[in-house]
């Protein structure tokens, strides 16, 4: 599932949000993603830049 820049531009409420979203367009940034057709929505878990918690 890919989301185009055009879709992001339509959904972004302002330029700052659009600039932040552009950095997250790569599918590799979203290791978990899915869609709920019945709810007309998509969801995802974005991979951040932090190192995470050691186990």
PDB file of N, CA and C in Angstrom:
ATOM      1  N   UNK A   1       0.851  -1.163   0.000  1.00  0.00           N
ATOM      2  CA  UNK A   1       0.000   0.000   0.000  1.00  0.00           C
ATOM      3  C   UNK A   1       0.899   1.227   0.000  1.00  0.00           C
ATOM      4  N   UNK A   2       0.772   2.052  -0.992  1.00  0.00           N
ATOM      5  CA  UNK A   2       1.529   3.292  -1.078  1.00  0.00           C
ATOM      6  C   UNK A   2       0.578   4.474  -1.012  1.00  0.00           C
ATOM      7  N   UNK A   3       1.028   5.537  -0.408  1.00  0.00           N
ATOM      8  CA  UNK A   3       0.258   6.774  -0.351  1.00  0.00           C
ATOM      9  C   UNK A   3       1.042   7.815  -1.127  1.00  0.00           C
ATOM     10  N   UNK A   4       0.407   8.427  -2.098  1.00  0.00           N
ATOM     11  CA  UNK A   4       1.097   9.382  -2.947  1.00  0.00           C
ATOM     12  C   UNK A   4       1.216  10.743  -2.265  1.00  0.00           C
ATOM     13  N   UNK A   5       2.146  11.530  -2.762  1.00  0.00           N
ATOM     14  CA  UNK A   5       2.331  12.887  -2.253  1.00  0.00           C
ATOM     15  C   UNK A   5       1.055  13.705  -2.461  1.00  0.00           C
ATOM     16  N   UNK A   6       0.351  13.456  -3.548  1.00  0.00           N
ATOM     17  CA  UNK A   6      -0.883  14.195  -3.822  1.00  0.00           C
ATOM     18  C   UNK A   6      -1.934  13.950  -2.734  1.00  0.00           C
ATOM     19  N   UNK A   7      -2.039  12.714  -2.283  1.00  0.00           N
ATOM     20  CA  UNK A   7      -2.996  12.389  -1.218  1.00  0.00           C
ATOM     21  C   UNK A   7      -2.594  13.096   0.074  1.00  0.00           C
ATOM     22  N   UNK A   8      -1.309  13.074   0.379  1.00  0.00           N
ATOM     23  CA  UNK A   8      -0.821  13.728   1.585  1.00  0.00           C
ATOM     24  C   UNK A   8      -1.092  15.231   1.522  1.00  0.00           C
ATOM     25  N   UNK A   9      -0.878  15.824   0.364  1.00  0.00           N
ATOM     26  CA  UNK A   9      -1.125  17.259   0.206  1.00  0.00           C
ATOM     27  C   UNK A   9      -2.594  17.607   0.442  1.00  0.00           C
ATOM     28  N   UNK A  10      -3.476  16.746   0.004  1.00  0.00           N
ATOM     29  CA  UNK A  10      -4.906  16.980   0.203  1.00  0.00           C
ATOM     30  C   UNK A  10      -5.304  16.874   1.672  1.00  0.00           C
ATOM     31  N   UNK A  11      -4.622  16.025   2.429  1.00  0.00           N
ATOM     32  CA  UNK A  11      -4.987  15.773   3.814  1.00  0.00           C
ATOM     33  C   UNK A  11      -4.286  16.678   4.824  1.00  0.00           C
ATOM     34  N   UNK A  12      -3.145  17.226   4.458  1.00  0.00           N
ATOM     35  CA  UNK A  12      -2.362  18.025   5.406  1.00  0.00           C
ATOM     36  C   UNK A  12      -3.090  19.324   5.742  1.00  0.00           C
ATOM     37  N   UNK A  13      -3.223  19.626   7.035  1.00  0.00           N
ATOM     38  CA  UNK A  13      -3.933  20.845   7.427  1.00  0.00           C
ATOM     39  C   UNK A  13      -3.129  22.130   7.227  1.00  0.00           C
ATOM     40  N   UNK A  14      -1.792  22.014   7.156  1.00  0.00           N
ATOM     41  CA  UNK A  14      -0.960  23.210   6.965  1.00  0.00           C
ATOM     42  C   UNK A  14       0.397  22.795   6.385  1.00  0.00           C
ATOM     43  N   UNK A  15       1.211  23.788   6.053  1.00  0.00           N
ATOM     44  CA  UNK A  15       2.495  23.520   5.413  1.00  0.00           C
ATOM     45  C   UNK A  15       3.452  22.780   6.341  1.00  0.00           C
ATOM     46  N   UNK A  16       3.448  23.112   7.619  1.00  0.00           N
ATOM     47  CA  UNK A  16       4.343  22.433   8.560  1.00  0.00           C
ATOM     48  C   UNK A  16       4.024  20.938   8.630  1.00  0.00           C
ATOM     49  N   UNK A  17       2.740  20.605   8.651  1.00  0.00           N
ATOM     50  CA  UNK A  17       2.335  19.195   8.671  1.00  0.00           C
ATOM     51  C   UNK A  17       2.735  18.501   7.385  1.00  0.00           C
ATOM     52  N   UNK A  18       2.576  19.190   6.268  1.00  0.00           N
ATOM     53  CA  UNK A  18       2.956  18.622   4.979  1.00  0.00           C
ATOM     54  C   UNK A  18       4.457  18.355   4.934  1.00  0.00           C
ATOM     55  N   UNK A  19       5.255  19.292   5.411  1.00  0.00           N
ATOM     56  CA  UNK A  19       6.709  19.102   5.421  1.00  0.00           C
ATOM     57  C   UNK A  19       7.103  17.901   6.279  1.00  0.00           C
ATOM     58  N   UNK A  20       6.464  17.746   7.429  1.00  0.00           N
ATOM     59  CA  UNK A  20       6.751  16.602   8.299  1.00  0.00           C
ATOM     60  C   UNK A  20       6.320  15.302   7.631  1.00  0.00           C
ATOM     61  N   UNK A  21       5.173  15.309   6.974  1.00  0.00           N
ATOM     62  CA  UNK A  21       4.652  14.103   6.335  1.00  0.00           C
ATOM     63  C   UNK A  21       5.515  13.654   5.162  1.00  0.00           C
ATOM     64  N   UNK A  22       6.084  14.576   4.440  1.00  0.00           N
ATOM     65  CA  UNK A  22       6.927  14.226   3.284  1.00  0.00           C
ATOM     66  C   UNK A  22       8.082  13.317   3.699  1.00  0.00           C
ATOM     67  N   UNK A  23       8.580  13.498   4.925  1.00  0.00           N
ATOM     68  CA  UNK A  23       9.691  12.686   5.408  1.00  0.00           C
ATOM     69  C   UNK A  23       9.265  11.252   5.702  1.00  0.00           C
ATOM     70  N   UNK A  24       7.963  11.019   5.766  1.00  0.00           N
ATOM     71  CA  UNK A  24       7.443   9.698   6.134  1.00  0.00           C
ATOM     72  C   UNK A  24       6.791   8.959   4.969  1.00  0.00           C
ATOM     73  N   UNK A  25       6.982   9.426   3.744  1.00  0.00           N
ATOM     74  CA  UNK A  25       6.335   8.796   2.597  1.00  0.00           C
ATOM     75  C   UNK A  25       6.921   7.439   2.214  1.00  0.00           C
ATOM     76  N   UNK A  26       8.133   7.156   2.625  1.00  0.00           N
ATOM     77  CA  UNK A  26       8.765   5.889   2.245  1.00  0.00           C
ATOM     78  C   UNK A  26       8.102   4.729   2.986  1.00  0.00           C
ATOM     79  N   UNK A  27       7.707   3.676   2.273  1.00  0.00           N
ATOM     80  CA  UNK A  27       7.071   2.520   2.920  1.00  0.00           C
ATOM     81  C   UNK A  27       7.934   1.902   4.016  1.00  0.00           C
ATOM     82  N   UNK A  28       9.259   2.006   3.909  1.00  0.00           N
ATOM     83  CA  UNK A  28      10.141   1.431   4.922  1.00  0.00           C
ATOM     84  C   UNK A  28       9.962   2.098   6.282  1.00  0.00           C
ATOM     85  N   UNK A  29       9.432   3.315   6.308  1.00  0.00           N
ATOM     86  CA  UNK A  29       9.187   4.021   7.570  1.00  0.00           C
ATOM     87  C   UNK A  29       7.963   3.463   8.296  1.00  0.00           C
ATOM     88  N   UNK A  30       7.202   2.597   7.625  1.00  0.00           N
ATOM     89  CA  UNK A  30       5.953   2.064   8.170  1.00  0.00           C
ATOM     90  C   UNK A  30       6.000   0.543   8.205  1.00  0.00           C
ATOM     91  N   UNK A  31       6.694  -0.057   9.180  1.00  0.00           N
ATOM     92  CA  UNK A  31       6.813  -1.515   9.222  1.00  0.00           C
ATOM     93  C   UNK A  31       5.472  -2.217   9.438  1.00  0.00           C
ATOM     94  N   UNK A  32       4.537  -1.584  10.109  1.00  0.00           N
ATOM     95  CA  UNK A  32       3.198  -2.142  10.300  1.00  0.00           C
ATOM     96  C   UNK A  32       2.182  -1.176   9.701  1.00  0.00           C
ATOM     97  N   UNK A  33       1.375  -1.673   8.784  1.00  0.00           N
ATOM     98  CA  UNK A  33       0.351  -0.831   8.183  1.00  0.00           C
ATOM     99  C   UNK A  33      -0.799  -1.706   7.702  1.00  0.00           C
ATOM    100  N   UNK A  34      -1.949  -1.089   7.590  1.00  0.00           N
ATOM    101  CA  UNK A  34      -3.112  -1.827   7.149  1.00  0.00           C
ATOM    102  C   UNK A  34      -4.241  -0.884   6.779  1.00  0.00           C
ATOM    103  N   UNK A  35      -5.339  -1.469   6.389  1.00  0.00           N
ATOM    104  CA  UNK A  35      -6.495  -0.654   6.044  1.00  0.00           C
ATOM    105  C   UNK A  35      -7.759  -1.330   6.542  1.00  0.00           C
ATOM    106  N   UNK A  36      -8.714  -0.514   6.891  1.00  0.00           N
ATOM    107  CA  UNK A  36     -10.023  -0.988   7.322  1.00  0.00           C
ATOM    108  C   UNK A  36     -11.024  -0.448   6.314  1.00  0.00           C
ATOM    109  N   UNK A  37     -11.314  -1.245   5.314  1.00  0.00           N
ATOM    110  CA  UNK A  37     -12.192  -0.815   4.233  1.00  0.00           C
ATOM    111  C   UNK A  37     -13.565  -0.425   4.760  1.00  0.00           C
ATOM    112  N   UNK A  38     -14.077  -1.191   5.723  1.00  0.00           N
ATOM    113  CA  UNK A  38     -15.405  -0.899   6.250  1.00  0.00           C
ATOM    114  C   UNK A  38     -15.459   0.453   6.961  1.00  0.00           C
ATOM    115  N   UNK A  39     -14.316   0.927   7.448  1.00  0.00           N
ATOM    116  CA  UNK A  39     -14.255   2.225   8.131  1.00  0.00           C
ATOM    117  C   UNK A  39     -13.685   3.322   7.240  1.00  0.00           C
ATOM    118  N   UNK A  40     -13.299   2.948   6.020  1.00  0.00           N
ATOM    119  CA  UNK A  40     -12.712   3.891   5.073  1.00  0.00           C
ATOM    120  C   UNK A  40     -11.490   4.589   5.688  1.00  0.00           C
ATOM    121  N   UNK A  41     -10.588   3.778   6.251  1.00  0.00           N
ATOM    122  CA  UNK A  41      -9.405   4.367   6.871  1.00  0.00           C
ATOM    123  C   UNK A  41      -8.192   3.453   6.687  1.00  0.00           C
ATOM    124  N   UNK A  42      -7.037   4.042   6.869  1.00  0.00           N
ATOM    125  CA  UNK A  42      -5.789   3.303   6.878  1.00  0.00           C
ATOM    126  C   UNK A  42      -5.107   3.589   8.214  1.00  0.00           C
ATOM    127  N   UNK A  43      -4.205   2.714   8.612  1.00  0.00           N
ATOM    128  CA  UNK A  43      -3.492   2.900   9.862  1.00  0.00           C
ATOM    129  C   UNK A  43      -2.055   2.430   9.670  1.00  0.00           C
ATOM    130  N   UNK A  44      -1.196   2.858  10.552  1.00  0.00           N
ATOM    131  CA  UNK A  44       0.176   2.402  10.481  1.00  0.00           C
ATOM    132  C   UNK A  44       0.941   2.742  11.738  1.00  0.00           C
ATOM    133  N   UNK A  45       2.015   2.009  11.925  1.00  0.00           N
ATOM    134  CA  UNK A  45       2.921   2.276  13.022  1.00  0.00           C
ATOM    135  C   UNK A  45       4.214   2.763  12.393  1.00  0.00           C
ATOM    136  N   UNK A  46       4.537   4.013  12.650  1.00  0.00           N
ATOM    137  CA  UNK A  46       5.696   4.635  12.021  1.00  0.00           C
ATOM    138  C   UNK A  46       6.966   4.339  12.791  1.00  0.00           C
ATOM    139  N   UNK A  47       8.029   4.055  12.054  1.00  0.00           N
ATOM    140  CA  UNK A  47       9.334   3.824  12.653  1.00  0.00           C
ATOM    141  C   UNK A  47       9.983   5.189  12.894  1.00  0.00           C
ATOM    142  N   UNK A  48      10.274   5.492  14.133  1.00  0.00           N
ATOM    143  CA  UNK A  48      10.891   6.765  14.474  1.00  0.00           C
ATOM    144  C   UNK A  48      12.402   6.727  14.332  1.00  0.00           C
ATOM    145  N   UNK A  49      13.026   7.816  14.705  1.00  0.00           N
ATOM    146  CA  UNK A  49      14.477   7.901  14.582  1.00  0.00           C
ATOM    147  C   UNK A  49      15.198   7.516  15.868  1.00  0.00           C
ATOM    148  N   UNK A  50      14.444   7.275  16.943  1.00  0.00           N
ATOM    149  CA  UNK A  50      15.051   6.904  18.212  1.00  0.00           C
ATOM    150  C   UNK A  50      15.558   5.479  18.215  1.00  0.00           C
ATOM    151  N   UNK A  51      16.387   5.166  19.180  1.00  0.00           N
ATOM    152  CA  UNK A  51      16.974   3.837  19.268  1.00  0.00           C
ATOM    153  C   UNK A  51      16.045   2.842  19.951  1.00  0.00           C
ATOM    154  N   UNK A  52      15.032   3.332  20.613  1.00  0.00           N
ATOM    155  CA  UNK A  52      14.115   2.434  21.279  1.00  0.00           C
ATOM    156  C   UNK A  52      14.613   2.037  22.663  1.00  0.00           C
ATOM    157  N   UNK A  53      13.906   1.152  23.281  1.00  0.00           N
ATOM    158  CA  UNK A  53      14.240   0.725  24.641  1.00  0.00           C
ATOM    159  C   UNK A  53      15.047  -0.571  24.590  1.00  0.00           C
ATOM    160  N   UNK A  54      16.135  -0.627  25.356  1.00  0.00           N
ATOM    161  CA  UNK A  54      16.887  -1.902  25.414  1.00  0.00           C
ATOM    162  C   UNK A  54      16.086  -2.942  26.181  1.00  0.00           C
ATOM    163  N   UNK A  55      16.235  -4.171  25.792  1.00  0.00           N
ATOM    164  CA  UNK A  55      15.501  -5.259  26.447  1.00  0.00           C
ATOM    165  C   UNK A  55      16.409  -5.959  27.428  1.00  0.00           C
TER     166      UNK A  55
END
